[in-house]
Amino acid sequence: MGCCTRYRLPIEEKESYRRLETMERADSEDFGETQAVYLSDREGDIYDYFERASTKGRMVICRRVHNRKVAADNGAETIQEFLNNQEVAGRYSVNVPKDYHTGREMRVAEMEVRFGTARILCSQGKSKTSTPMLKLQLVSAREINAPEGVKLLNWQLVTNLAVPDYEAARTCLAWYSRRWLIEMFHYTLKSAARLRSCRRIRRIA
């Protein structure tokens, strides 16, 4: 499927629609006093996802892939420009686990944090019923002083959680880093437990 064709598809026909479906299914759940936060990789970086979350009062943290246009007080026109213009709020260390799937070795990464509030603009060509602008928080953690030849960690997160200070930004980053555990669990199911093979056998039977 071509790039331009994919962008013209209605949201219901895109793979990323699974994110919205998950949110809809969770609406029937009672979390009590526990705050539910949806963690999403770059597949979840769709305007409809952020809009739906804001409308329904759902909290999301999503790693961005699209360099969306913004309206910001610091004069930036895109998410990347906005984060580049933010002052460094602090630094911290994160334990990077070994990844047998990608060959990544275990190490300790030093991260530089920036964050701020921006108004994300709706893309041109979207439905006229879409909210033209969403006020969201942007959080960036970029690895510094990495060993030579190592792919730098560079997380840029979009969230509707309140991020008033450095500690709140750190919390968002810490929650997002939990995805490593989820990915390791999925990899174990698919490889060691041969989950895909089991599914194929069940279908053949």
N, C-alpha and C. Protein backbone atom coordinates (compact mmCIF):
# COMPACT_ATOMS: atom_id res chain seq x y z
N MET A 1 0.84 -1.19 0.00
CA MET A 1 0.00 0.00 0.00
C MET A 1 0.87 1.24 0.00
N GLY A 2 0.60 2.16 -0.91
CA GLY A 2 1.41 3.36 -1.01
C GLY A 2 1.20 4.29 0.16
N CYS A 3 2.20 5.15 0.36
CA CYS A 3 2.15 6.09 1.49
C CYS A 3 0.93 7.00 1.40
N CYS A 4 0.74 7.60 0.25
CA CYS A 4 -0.37 8.55 0.10
C CYS A 4 -1.71 7.87 0.27
N THR A 5 -1.83 6.62 -0.26
CA THR A 5 -3.08 5.88 -0.12
C THR A 5 -3.37 5.58 1.34
N ARG A 6 -2.33 5.22 2.09
CA ARG A 6 -2.51 4.90 3.50
C ARG A 6 -3.05 6.09 4.28
N TYR A 7 -2.54 7.30 3.97
CA TYR A 7 -2.97 8.47 4.71
C TYR A 7 -4.41 8.85 4.37
N ARG A 8 -4.90 8.43 3.19
CA ARG A 8 -6.27 8.77 2.81
C ARG A 8 -7.29 7.78 3.38
N LEU A 9 -6.83 6.64 3.89
CA LEU A 9 -7.74 5.65 4.43
C LEU A 9 -8.45 6.18 5.67
N PRO A 10 -9.72 5.81 5.85
CA PRO A 10 -10.39 6.17 7.10
C PRO A 10 -9.70 5.45 8.25
N ILE A 11 -9.78 6.01 9.44
CA ILE A 11 -9.05 5.48 10.59
C ILE A 11 -9.44 4.03 10.87
N GLU A 12 -10.71 3.65 10.58
CA GLU A 12 -11.16 2.29 10.87
C GLU A 12 -10.46 1.24 10.01
N GLU A 13 -9.84 1.64 8.90
CA GLU A 13 -9.18 0.70 8.01
C GLU A 13 -7.67 0.65 8.21
N LYS A 14 -7.17 1.38 9.19
CA LYS A 14 -5.74 1.38 9.47
C LYS A 14 -5.42 0.41 10.60
N GLU A 15 -4.20 -0.16 10.58
CA GLU A 15 -3.79 -1.07 11.64
C GLU A 15 -3.79 -0.38 13.00
N SER A 16 -3.47 0.90 13.00
CA SER A 16 -3.39 1.64 14.26
C SER A 16 -4.75 1.80 14.93
N TYR A 17 -5.83 1.43 14.24
CA TYR A 17 -7.16 1.53 14.83
C TYR A 17 -7.30 0.60 16.04
N ARG A 18 -6.38 -0.38 16.13
CA ARG A 18 -6.41 -1.28 17.28
C ARG A 18 -6.27 -0.52 18.59
N ARG A 19 -5.53 0.60 18.55
CA ARG A 19 -5.36 1.40 19.76
C ARG A 19 -6.68 1.96 20.24
N LEU A 20 -7.49 2.44 19.30
CA LEU A 20 -8.79 2.99 19.66
C LEU A 20 -9.74 1.89 20.12
N GLU A 21 -9.64 0.72 19.49
CA GLU A 21 -10.49 -0.40 19.89
C GLU A 21 -10.17 -0.84 21.32
N THR A 22 -8.89 -0.86 21.66
CA THR A 22 -8.49 -1.22 23.01
C THR A 22 -9.07 -0.25 24.03
N MET A 23 -9.03 1.02 23.68
CA MET A 23 -9.56 2.04 24.57
C MET A 23 -11.07 1.87 24.73
N GLU A 24 -11.75 1.53 23.65
CA GLU A 24 -13.20 1.33 23.71
C GLU A 24 -13.54 0.14 24.59
N ARG A 25 -12.78 -0.96 24.46
CA ARG A 25 -13.06 -2.14 25.28
C ARG A 25 -12.83 -1.85 26.76
N ALA A 26 -11.84 -1.02 27.03
CA ALA A 26 -11.51 -0.71 28.43
C ALA A 26 -12.57 0.17 29.08
N ASP A 27 -13.41 0.82 28.27
CA ASP A 27 -14.45 1.68 28.83
C ASP A 27 -15.42 0.89 29.71
N SER A 28 -15.53 -0.41 29.45
CA SER A 28 -16.47 -1.23 30.22
C SER A 28 -15.84 -1.76 31.51
N GLU A 29 -14.55 -1.51 31.69
CA GLU A 29 -13.86 -2.00 32.88
C GLU A 29 -13.96 -1.01 34.03
N ASP A 30 -13.99 -1.53 35.24
CA ASP A 30 -14.01 -0.70 36.44
C ASP A 30 -12.65 -0.81 37.12
N PHE A 31 -11.85 0.24 37.01
CA PHE A 31 -10.52 0.23 37.60
C PHE A 31 -10.53 0.72 39.05
N GLY A 32 -11.68 1.04 39.56
CA GLY A 32 -11.77 1.55 40.92
C GLY A 32 -11.03 2.87 41.04
N GLU A 33 -10.19 2.98 42.06
CA GLU A 33 -9.42 4.20 42.27
C GLU A 33 -8.07 4.16 41.56
N THR A 34 -7.79 3.08 40.84
CA THR A 34 -6.53 2.94 40.13
C THR A 34 -6.57 3.77 38.85
N GLN A 35 -5.52 4.53 38.61
CA GLN A 35 -5.44 5.32 37.40
C GLN A 35 -4.90 4.45 36.26
N ALA A 36 -5.67 4.31 35.20
CA ALA A 36 -5.26 3.53 34.04
C ALA A 36 -4.57 4.46 33.04
N VAL A 37 -3.38 4.08 32.61
CA VAL A 37 -2.63 4.85 31.64
C VAL A 37 -2.28 3.94 30.47
N TYR A 38 -2.65 4.35 29.28
CA TYR A 38 -2.39 3.57 28.08
C TYR A 38 -1.00 3.90 27.55
N LEU A 39 -0.13 2.89 27.49
CA LEU A 39 1.20 3.06 26.92
C LEU A 39 1.18 2.58 25.49
N SER A 40 1.73 3.37 24.59
CA SER A 40 1.67 3.02 23.18
C SER A 40 3.01 3.30 22.51
N ASP A 41 3.38 2.43 21.58
CA ASP A 41 4.56 2.68 20.78
C ASP A 41 4.18 3.62 19.64
N ARG A 42 5.06 3.74 18.66
CA ARG A 42 4.85 4.74 17.59
C ARG A 42 3.64 4.45 16.72
N GLU A 43 3.15 3.20 16.74
CA GLU A 43 1.95 2.89 15.97
C GLU A 43 0.74 3.67 16.48
N GLY A 44 0.78 4.06 17.76
CA GLY A 44 -0.34 4.78 18.35
C GLY A 44 -0.32 6.27 18.10
N ASP A 45 0.69 6.76 17.38
CA ASP A 45 0.80 8.20 17.14
C ASP A 45 -0.15 8.64 16.04
N ILE A 46 -1.44 8.67 16.38
CA ILE A 46 -2.48 9.13 15.46
C ILE A 46 -3.33 10.16 16.18
N TYR A 47 -3.70 11.18 15.46
CA TYR A 47 -4.44 12.30 16.05
C TYR A 47 -5.74 11.82 16.68
N ASP A 48 -6.43 10.89 16.01
CA ASP A 48 -7.70 10.37 16.52
C ASP A 48 -7.53 9.74 17.90
N TYR A 49 -6.39 9.10 18.11
CA TYR A 49 -6.11 8.44 19.39
C TYR A 49 -6.03 9.45 20.52
N PHE A 50 -5.28 10.53 20.29
CA PHE A 50 -5.16 11.57 21.31
C PHE A 50 -6.49 12.29 21.53
N GLU A 51 -7.22 12.50 20.44
CA GLU A 51 -8.51 13.18 20.54
C GLU A 51 -9.51 12.33 21.32
N ARG A 52 -9.55 11.03 21.03
CA ARG A 52 -10.47 10.13 21.72
C ARG A 52 -10.13 10.07 23.21
N ALA A 53 -8.84 10.00 23.51
CA ALA A 53 -8.41 9.93 24.91
C ALA A 53 -8.81 11.19 25.66
N SER A 54 -8.62 12.34 25.04
CA SER A 54 -8.97 13.61 25.69
C SER A 54 -10.48 13.72 25.90
N THR A 55 -11.25 13.25 24.93
CA THR A 55 -12.70 13.33 25.01
C THR A 55 -13.25 12.43 26.11
N LYS A 56 -12.67 11.23 26.24
CA LYS A 56 -13.17 10.25 27.20
C LYS A 56 -12.46 10.30 28.55
N GLY A 57 -11.52 11.21 28.69
CA GLY A 57 -10.82 11.32 29.95
C GLY A 57 -9.85 10.20 30.21
N ARG A 58 -9.33 9.57 29.14
CA ARG A 58 -8.35 8.50 29.27
C ARG A 58 -6.95 9.08 29.22
N MET A 59 -6.05 8.52 30.03
CA MET A 59 -4.68 9.01 30.08
C MET A 59 -3.80 8.17 29.16
N VAL A 60 -3.01 8.80 28.32
CA VAL A 60 -2.17 8.09 27.38
C VAL A 60 -0.74 8.62 27.41
N ILE A 61 0.19 7.73 27.12
CA ILE A 61 1.58 8.09 26.87
C ILE A 61 1.98 7.37 25.60
N CYS A 62 2.37 8.12 24.61
CA CYS A 62 2.66 7.54 23.29
C CYS A 62 3.99 8.06 22.77
N ARG A 63 4.79 7.18 22.24
CA ARG A 63 6.03 7.62 21.60
C ARG A 63 5.71 8.14 20.21
N ARG A 64 6.17 9.34 19.92
CA ARG A 64 5.80 9.95 18.65
C ARG A 64 6.66 9.46 17.49
N VAL A 65 6.05 9.45 16.30
CA VAL A 65 6.77 9.18 15.07
C VAL A 65 6.58 10.33 14.09
N HIS A 66 5.40 11.00 14.16
CA HIS A 66 5.11 12.10 13.25
C HIS A 66 5.57 13.42 13.85
N ASN A 67 6.26 14.20 13.05
CA ASN A 67 6.72 15.52 13.50
C ASN A 67 5.61 16.53 13.23
N ARG A 68 4.57 16.48 14.06
CA ARG A 68 3.37 17.25 13.83
C ARG A 68 3.60 18.75 14.00
N LYS A 69 2.76 19.52 13.36
CA LYS A 69 2.82 20.98 13.50
C LYS A 69 2.24 21.37 14.85
N VAL A 70 2.81 22.40 15.45
CA VAL A 70 2.36 22.85 16.76
C VAL A 70 2.19 24.37 16.75
N ALA A 71 1.40 24.84 17.71
CA ALA A 71 1.32 26.27 18.01
C ALA A 71 1.91 26.42 19.39
N ALA A 72 3.08 27.08 19.46
CA ALA A 72 3.81 27.15 20.73
C ALA A 72 4.29 28.56 21.00
N ASP A 73 4.40 28.89 22.28
CA ASP A 73 4.85 30.22 22.68
C ASP A 73 6.31 30.47 22.35
N ASN A 74 7.11 29.39 22.19
CA ASN A 74 8.53 29.59 21.90
C ASN A 74 8.82 29.73 20.41
N GLY A 75 7.77 29.87 19.60
CA GLY A 75 7.96 30.12 18.18
C GLY A 75 8.17 28.89 17.33
N ALA A 76 8.20 27.72 17.94
CA ALA A 76 8.41 26.48 17.19
C ALA A 76 7.19 26.16 16.32
N GLU A 77 7.43 25.51 15.19
CA GLU A 77 6.35 25.15 14.28
C GLU A 77 6.11 23.65 14.25
N THR A 78 7.04 22.86 14.78
CA THR A 78 6.90 21.40 14.81
C THR A 78 7.29 20.87 16.19
N ILE A 79 6.93 19.62 16.45
CA ILE A 79 7.28 19.00 17.73
C ILE A 79 8.79 18.99 17.94
N GLN A 80 9.54 18.63 16.89
CA GLN A 80 10.99 18.57 17.03
C GLN A 80 11.57 19.93 17.37
N GLU A 81 11.11 20.97 16.69
CA GLU A 81 11.59 22.32 16.98
C GLU A 81 11.23 22.73 18.41
N PHE A 82 10.03 22.37 18.82
CA PHE A 82 9.58 22.73 20.16
C PHE A 82 10.49 22.12 21.23
N LEU A 83 10.79 20.83 21.09
CA LEU A 83 11.62 20.16 22.09
C LEU A 83 13.06 20.66 22.03
N ASN A 84 13.55 20.94 20.84
CA ASN A 84 14.91 21.48 20.71
C ASN A 84 15.04 22.83 21.41
N ASN A 85 13.95 23.60 21.42
CA ASN A 85 13.97 24.93 22.02
C ASN A 85 13.80 24.91 23.54
N GLN A 86 13.43 23.74 24.10
CA GLN A 86 13.24 23.65 25.54
C GLN A 86 14.60 23.52 26.25
N GLU A 87 14.70 24.10 27.42
CA GLU A 87 15.92 23.96 28.21
C GLU A 87 16.01 22.56 28.81
N VAL A 88 17.23 22.10 29.03
CA VAL A 88 17.43 20.80 29.66
C VAL A 88 16.93 20.89 31.10
N ALA A 89 15.99 20.02 31.46
CA ALA A 89 15.40 20.06 32.80
C ALA A 89 16.21 19.24 33.80
N GLY A 90 16.93 18.25 33.32
CA GLY A 90 17.72 17.40 34.22
C GLY A 90 18.26 16.20 33.48
N ARG A 91 19.04 15.41 34.17
CA ARG A 91 19.61 14.19 33.61
C ARG A 91 19.42 13.04 34.58
N TYR A 92 19.32 11.84 34.03
CA TYR A 92 19.20 10.65 34.88
C TYR A 92 19.77 9.45 34.12
N SER A 93 19.97 8.36 34.84
CA SER A 93 20.51 7.14 34.24
C SER A 93 19.41 6.08 34.16
N VAL A 94 19.46 5.30 33.10
CA VAL A 94 18.47 4.24 32.92
C VAL A 94 19.21 2.95 32.56
N ASN A 95 18.78 1.85 33.14
CA ASN A 95 19.36 0.54 32.83
C ASN A 95 18.72 -0.01 31.56
N VAL A 96 19.52 -0.16 30.54
CA VAL A 96 19.04 -0.68 29.25
C VAL A 96 19.24 -2.20 29.26
N PRO A 97 18.17 -2.98 29.18
CA PRO A 97 18.32 -4.45 29.24
C PRO A 97 18.88 -5.02 27.95
N LYS A 98 19.47 -6.18 28.06
CA LYS A 98 19.97 -6.88 26.88
C LYS A 98 18.79 -7.33 26.03
N ASP A 99 18.91 -7.20 24.73
CA ASP A 99 17.85 -7.60 23.81
C ASP A 99 18.42 -8.64 22.86
N TYR A 100 18.06 -9.90 23.07
CA TYR A 100 18.57 -10.98 22.23
C TYR A 100 18.01 -10.91 20.82
N HIS A 101 16.85 -10.30 20.69
CA HIS A 101 16.20 -10.22 19.38
C HIS A 101 16.95 -9.25 18.46
N THR A 102 17.36 -8.11 19.00
CA THR A 102 18.05 -7.10 18.17
C THR A 102 19.56 -7.13 18.35
N GLY A 103 20.04 -7.89 19.35
CA GLY A 103 21.47 -7.93 19.59
C GLY A 103 21.98 -6.80 20.46
N ARG A 104 21.07 -6.05 21.06
CA ARG A 104 21.48 -4.94 21.91
C ARG A 104 22.06 -5.46 23.22
N GLU A 105 23.22 -4.91 23.61
CA GLU A 105 23.86 -5.31 24.85
C GLU A 105 23.34 -4.48 26.03
N MET A 106 23.42 -5.06 27.21
CA MET A 106 23.01 -4.34 28.42
C MET A 106 23.98 -3.18 28.69
N ARG A 107 23.43 -2.05 29.09
CA ARG A 107 24.28 -0.91 29.44
C ARG A 107 23.49 0.07 30.29
N VAL A 108 24.18 1.04 30.84
CA VAL A 108 23.54 2.13 31.57
C VAL A 108 23.62 3.37 30.68
N ALA A 109 22.47 3.95 30.37
CA ALA A 109 22.41 5.11 29.48
C ALA A 109 22.15 6.38 30.29
N GLU A 110 22.87 7.43 29.96
CA GLU A 110 22.65 8.73 30.59
C GLU A 110 21.71 9.54 29.70
N MET A 111 20.59 9.98 30.27
CA MET A 111 19.54 10.61 29.48
C MET A 111 19.39 12.09 29.86
N GLU A 112 19.15 12.90 28.84
CA GLU A 112 18.93 14.33 29.02
C GLU A 112 17.46 14.62 28.75
N VAL A 113 16.80 15.28 29.69
CA VAL A 113 15.34 15.43 29.65
C VAL A 113 14.92 16.87 29.32
N ARG A 114 13.96 16.98 28.41
CA ARG A 114 13.30 18.24 28.11
C ARG A 114 11.79 17.99 28.09
N PHE A 115 11.00 18.99 28.40
CA PHE A 115 9.55 18.81 28.36
C PHE A 115 8.86 20.17 28.24
N GLY A 116 7.57 20.13 27.88
CA GLY A 116 6.80 21.36 27.79
C GLY A 116 5.40 21.09 27.25
N THR A 117 4.57 22.11 27.30
CA THR A 117 3.19 22.02 26.82
C THR A 117 3.07 22.72 25.48
N ALA A 118 2.43 22.04 24.53
CA ALA A 118 2.24 22.62 23.20
C ALA A 118 0.84 22.29 22.70
N ARG A 119 0.38 23.08 21.76
CA ARG A 119 -0.91 22.84 21.12
C ARG A 119 -0.65 22.13 19.79
N ILE A 120 -1.07 20.87 19.71
CA ILE A 120 -0.85 20.05 18.53
C ILE A 120 -1.96 20.33 17.52
N LEU A 121 -1.58 20.66 16.30
CA LEU A 121 -2.56 21.02 15.29
C LEU A 121 -3.05 19.79 14.54
N CYS A 122 -4.31 19.78 14.22
CA CYS A 122 -4.90 18.70 13.44
C CYS A 122 -4.36 18.77 12.01
N SER A 123 -4.05 17.62 11.44
CA SER A 123 -3.50 17.57 10.09
C SER A 123 -4.53 18.03 9.07
N GLN A 124 -4.04 18.61 8.00
CA GLN A 124 -4.93 19.01 6.92
C GLN A 124 -5.52 17.77 6.27
N GLY A 125 -6.74 17.86 5.85
CA GLY A 125 -7.41 16.74 5.22
C GLY A 125 -8.19 15.86 6.18
N LYS A 126 -8.03 16.12 7.50
CA LYS A 126 -8.80 15.35 8.47
C LYS A 126 -10.27 15.77 8.41
N SER A 127 -11.10 14.95 9.02
CA SER A 127 -12.53 15.24 9.06
C SER A 127 -12.78 16.61 9.70
N LYS A 128 -13.76 17.32 9.16
CA LYS A 128 -14.10 18.64 9.68
C LYS A 128 -14.66 18.56 11.10
N THR A 129 -15.03 17.34 11.52
CA THR A 129 -15.55 17.17 12.87
C THR A 129 -14.43 17.01 13.90
N SER A 130 -13.18 16.86 13.45
CA SER A 130 -12.07 16.69 14.37
C SER A 130 -11.77 18.00 15.10
N THR A 131 -11.30 17.88 16.32
CA THR A 131 -10.88 19.05 17.08
C THR A 131 -9.67 19.67 16.39
N PRO A 132 -9.70 20.95 16.06
CA PRO A 132 -8.61 21.56 15.28
C PRO A 132 -7.29 21.63 16.04
N MET A 133 -7.33 21.52 17.37
CA MET A 133 -6.10 21.68 18.14
C MET A 133 -6.26 20.95 19.49
N LEU A 134 -5.20 20.27 19.92
CA LEU A 134 -5.22 19.58 21.21
C LEU A 134 -4.04 20.06 22.05
N LYS A 135 -4.31 20.40 23.30
CA LYS A 135 -3.26 20.83 24.21
C LYS A 135 -2.68 19.58 24.87
N LEU A 136 -1.41 19.28 24.55
CA LEU A 136 -0.77 18.06 25.04
C LEU A 136 0.62 18.37 25.58
N GLN A 137 1.13 17.42 26.33
CA GLN A 137 2.47 17.55 26.91
C GLN A 137 3.46 16.77 26.05
N LEU A 138 4.63 17.34 25.85
CA LEU A 138 5.69 16.69 25.11
C LEU A 138 6.88 16.47 26.04
N VAL A 139 7.41 15.25 26.03
CA VAL A 139 8.53 14.90 26.90
C VAL A 139 9.60 14.23 26.05
N SER A 140 10.83 14.69 26.22
CA SER A 140 11.95 14.13 25.45
C SER A 140 13.03 13.63 26.39
N ALA A 141 13.58 12.45 26.07
CA ALA A 141 14.75 11.92 26.77
C ALA A 141 15.72 11.41 25.71
N ARG A 142 16.87 12.06 25.62
CA ARG A 142 17.86 11.71 24.61
C ARG A 142 19.15 11.29 25.30
N GLU A 143 19.70 10.17 24.83
CA GLU A 143 20.92 9.65 25.43
C GLU A 143 22.13 10.52 25.06
N ILE A 144 23.00 10.74 26.03
CA ILE A 144 24.23 11.49 25.80
C ILE A 144 25.40 10.64 26.28
N ASN A 145 26.59 10.94 25.74
CA ASN A 145 27.82 10.24 26.13
C ASN A 145 27.71 8.74 25.95
N ALA A 146 27.05 8.31 24.87
CA ALA A 146 26.89 6.88 24.61
C ALA A 146 28.19 6.29 24.05
N PRO A 147 28.43 5.00 24.25
CA PRO A 147 29.61 4.35 23.68
C PRO A 147 29.60 4.44 22.15
N GLU A 148 30.77 4.47 21.56
CA GLU A 148 30.87 4.57 20.12
C GLU A 148 30.25 3.35 19.44
N GLY A 149 29.48 3.60 18.40
CA GLY A 149 28.85 2.53 17.65
C GLY A 149 27.51 2.07 18.18
N VAL A 150 27.08 2.64 19.29
CA VAL A 150 25.79 2.26 19.89
C VAL A 150 24.69 3.19 19.39
N LYS A 151 23.55 2.61 19.05
CA LYS A 151 22.41 3.42 18.64
C LYS A 151 21.85 4.15 19.85
N LEU A 152 21.82 5.49 19.77
CA LEU A 152 21.37 6.30 20.89
C LEU A 152 19.89 6.07 21.19
N LEU A 153 19.56 6.08 22.47
CA LEU A 153 18.16 6.12 22.86
C LEU A 153 17.64 7.53 22.66
N ASN A 154 16.49 7.65 22.06
CA ASN A 154 15.90 8.98 21.81
C ASN A 154 14.39 8.84 21.85
N TRP A 155 13.83 9.09 23.03
CA TRP A 155 12.38 8.97 23.21
C TRP A 155 11.75 10.34 23.17
N GLN A 156 10.71 10.49 22.37
CA GLN A 156 9.89 11.69 22.38
C GLN A 156 8.45 11.25 22.59
N LEU A 157 7.92 11.62 23.74
CA LEU A 157 6.61 11.15 24.14
C LEU A 157 5.55 12.25 24.06
N VAL A 158 4.35 11.84 23.69
CA VAL A 158 3.18 12.71 23.70
C VAL A 158 2.23 12.17 24.75
N THR A 159 1.74 13.03 25.64
CA THR A 159 0.86 12.57 26.70
C THR A 159 -0.15 13.66 27.06
N ASN A 160 -1.29 13.23 27.61
CA ASN A 160 -2.25 14.19 28.14
C ASN A 160 -2.23 14.20 29.67
N LEU A 161 -1.22 13.53 30.26
CA LEU A 161 -1.00 13.64 31.70
C LEU A 161 -0.40 15.01 32.01
N ALA A 162 -0.63 15.50 33.19
CA ALA A 162 -0.02 16.77 33.59
C ALA A 162 1.47 16.57 33.80
N VAL A 163 2.27 17.45 33.21
CA VAL A 163 3.72 17.39 33.36
C VAL A 163 4.21 18.78 33.77
N PRO A 164 4.00 19.15 35.04
CA PRO A 164 4.36 20.50 35.48
C PRO A 164 5.83 20.67 35.83
N ASP A 165 6.54 19.55 36.04
CA ASP A 165 7.92 19.67 36.48
C ASP A 165 8.74 18.46 36.04
N TYR A 166 10.02 18.52 36.39
CA TYR A 166 10.95 17.47 35.98
C TYR A 166 10.56 16.11 36.53
N GLU A 167 10.12 16.04 37.77
CA GLU A 167 9.75 14.77 38.37
C GLU A 167 8.58 14.12 37.63
N ALA A 168 7.63 14.94 37.21
CA ALA A 168 6.49 14.41 36.46
C ALA A 168 6.96 13.88 35.10
N ALA A 169 7.90 14.58 34.48
CA ALA A 169 8.46 14.13 33.21
C ALA A 169 9.16 12.79 33.39
N ARG A 170 9.92 12.67 34.49
CA ARG A 170 10.61 11.43 34.79
C ARG A 170 9.62 10.29 34.98
N THR A 171 8.49 10.58 35.62
CA THR A 171 7.49 9.54 35.84
C THR A 171 6.96 9.02 34.51
N CYS A 172 6.67 9.92 33.57
CA CYS A 172 6.20 9.51 32.24
C CYS A 172 7.23 8.63 31.56
N LEU A 173 8.48 9.02 31.64
CA LEU A 173 9.55 8.24 31.01
C LEU A 173 9.72 6.88 31.67
N ALA A 174 9.58 6.85 32.99
CA ALA A 174 9.70 5.58 33.72
C ALA A 174 8.57 4.63 33.33
N TRP A 175 7.37 5.16 33.21
CA TRP A 175 6.24 4.32 32.81
C TRP A 175 6.43 3.81 31.39
N TYR A 176 6.89 4.68 30.51
CA TYR A 176 7.09 4.25 29.13
C TYR A 176 8.16 3.16 29.05
N SER A 177 9.20 3.25 29.87
CA SER A 177 10.27 2.27 29.83
C SER A 177 9.79 0.88 30.23
N ARG A 178 8.63 0.79 30.87
CA ARG A 178 8.07 -0.52 31.22
C ARG A 178 7.75 -1.34 29.97
N ARG A 179 7.69 -0.66 28.84
CA ARG A 179 7.41 -1.39 27.60
C ARG A 179 8.48 -2.42 27.29
N TRP A 180 9.70 -2.20 27.79
CA TRP A 180 10.75 -3.19 27.59
C TRP A 180 10.34 -4.53 28.17
N LEU A 181 9.76 -4.50 29.38
CA LEU A 181 9.32 -5.74 30.01
C LEU A 181 8.22 -6.40 29.20
N ILE A 182 7.30 -5.58 28.67
CA ILE A 182 6.21 -6.11 27.86
C ILE A 182 6.75 -6.74 26.59
N GLU A 183 7.71 -6.07 25.94
CA GLU A 183 8.29 -6.59 24.70
C GLU A 183 9.05 -7.89 24.96
N MET A 184 9.77 -7.96 26.08
CA MET A 184 10.49 -9.18 26.42
C MET A 184 9.51 -10.33 26.66
N PHE A 185 8.37 -10.02 27.29
CA PHE A 185 7.36 -11.03 27.54
C PHE A 185 6.78 -11.54 26.22
N HIS A 186 6.46 -10.63 25.31
CA HIS A 186 5.91 -11.02 24.01
C HIS A 186 6.93 -11.84 23.22
N TYR A 187 8.19 -11.42 23.27
CA TYR A 187 9.23 -12.15 22.54
C TYR A 187 9.37 -13.57 23.08
N THR A 188 9.27 -13.72 24.40
CA THR A 188 9.37 -15.04 25.01
C THR A 188 8.22 -15.94 24.55
N LEU A 189 7.02 -15.37 24.49
CA LEU A 189 5.87 -16.14 24.04
C LEU A 189 6.02 -16.58 22.58
N LYS A 190 6.54 -15.66 21.76
CA LYS A 190 6.64 -15.95 20.33
C LYS A 190 7.79 -16.89 19.98
N SER A 191 8.85 -16.86 20.80
CA SER A 191 10.03 -17.67 20.48
C SER A 191 10.11 -18.92 21.35
N ALA A 192 10.39 -18.72 22.63
CA ALA A 192 10.57 -19.87 23.53
C ALA A 192 9.30 -20.71 23.64
N ALA A 193 8.15 -20.05 23.79
CA ALA A 193 6.89 -20.77 23.93
C ALA A 193 6.28 -21.13 22.58
N ARG A 194 6.85 -20.61 21.48
CA ARG A 194 6.38 -20.91 20.12
C ARG A 194 4.88 -20.68 19.98
N LEU A 195 4.47 -19.50 20.43
CA LEU A 195 3.04 -19.18 20.42
C LEU A 195 2.48 -19.18 19.01
N ARG A 196 3.26 -18.64 18.05
CA ARG A 196 2.76 -18.59 16.68
C ARG A 196 2.54 -19.97 16.10
N SER A 197 3.44 -20.91 16.41
CA SER A 197 3.28 -22.27 15.92
C SER A 197 2.02 -22.89 16.49
N CYS A 198 1.76 -22.64 17.76
CA CYS A 198 0.54 -23.17 18.40
C CYS A 198 -0.70 -22.64 17.71
N ARG A 199 -0.67 -21.37 17.34
CA ARG A 199 -1.83 -20.76 16.69
C ARG A 199 -2.05 -21.40 15.32
N ARG A 200 -0.94 -21.67 14.58
CA ARG A 200 -1.07 -22.28 13.27
C ARG A 200 -1.64 -23.69 13.38
N ILE A 201 -1.16 -24.44 14.40
CA ILE A 201 -1.66 -25.82 14.60
C ILE A 201 -3.14 -25.80 14.91
N ARG A 202 -3.56 -24.85 15.74
CA ARG A 202 -4.97 -24.76 16.12
C ARG A 202 -5.84 -24.45 14.90
N ARG A 203 -5.33 -23.57 14.03
CA ARG A 203 -6.10 -23.22 12.83
C ARG A 203 -6.22 -24.39 11.89
N ILE A 204 -5.11 -25.17 11.73
CA ILE A 204 -5.14 -26.33 10.84
C ILE A 204 -6.10 -27.38 11.38
N ALA A 205 -6.07 -27.58 12.71
CA ALA A 205 -6.96 -28.57 13.34
C ALA A 205 -8.41 -28.16 13.17
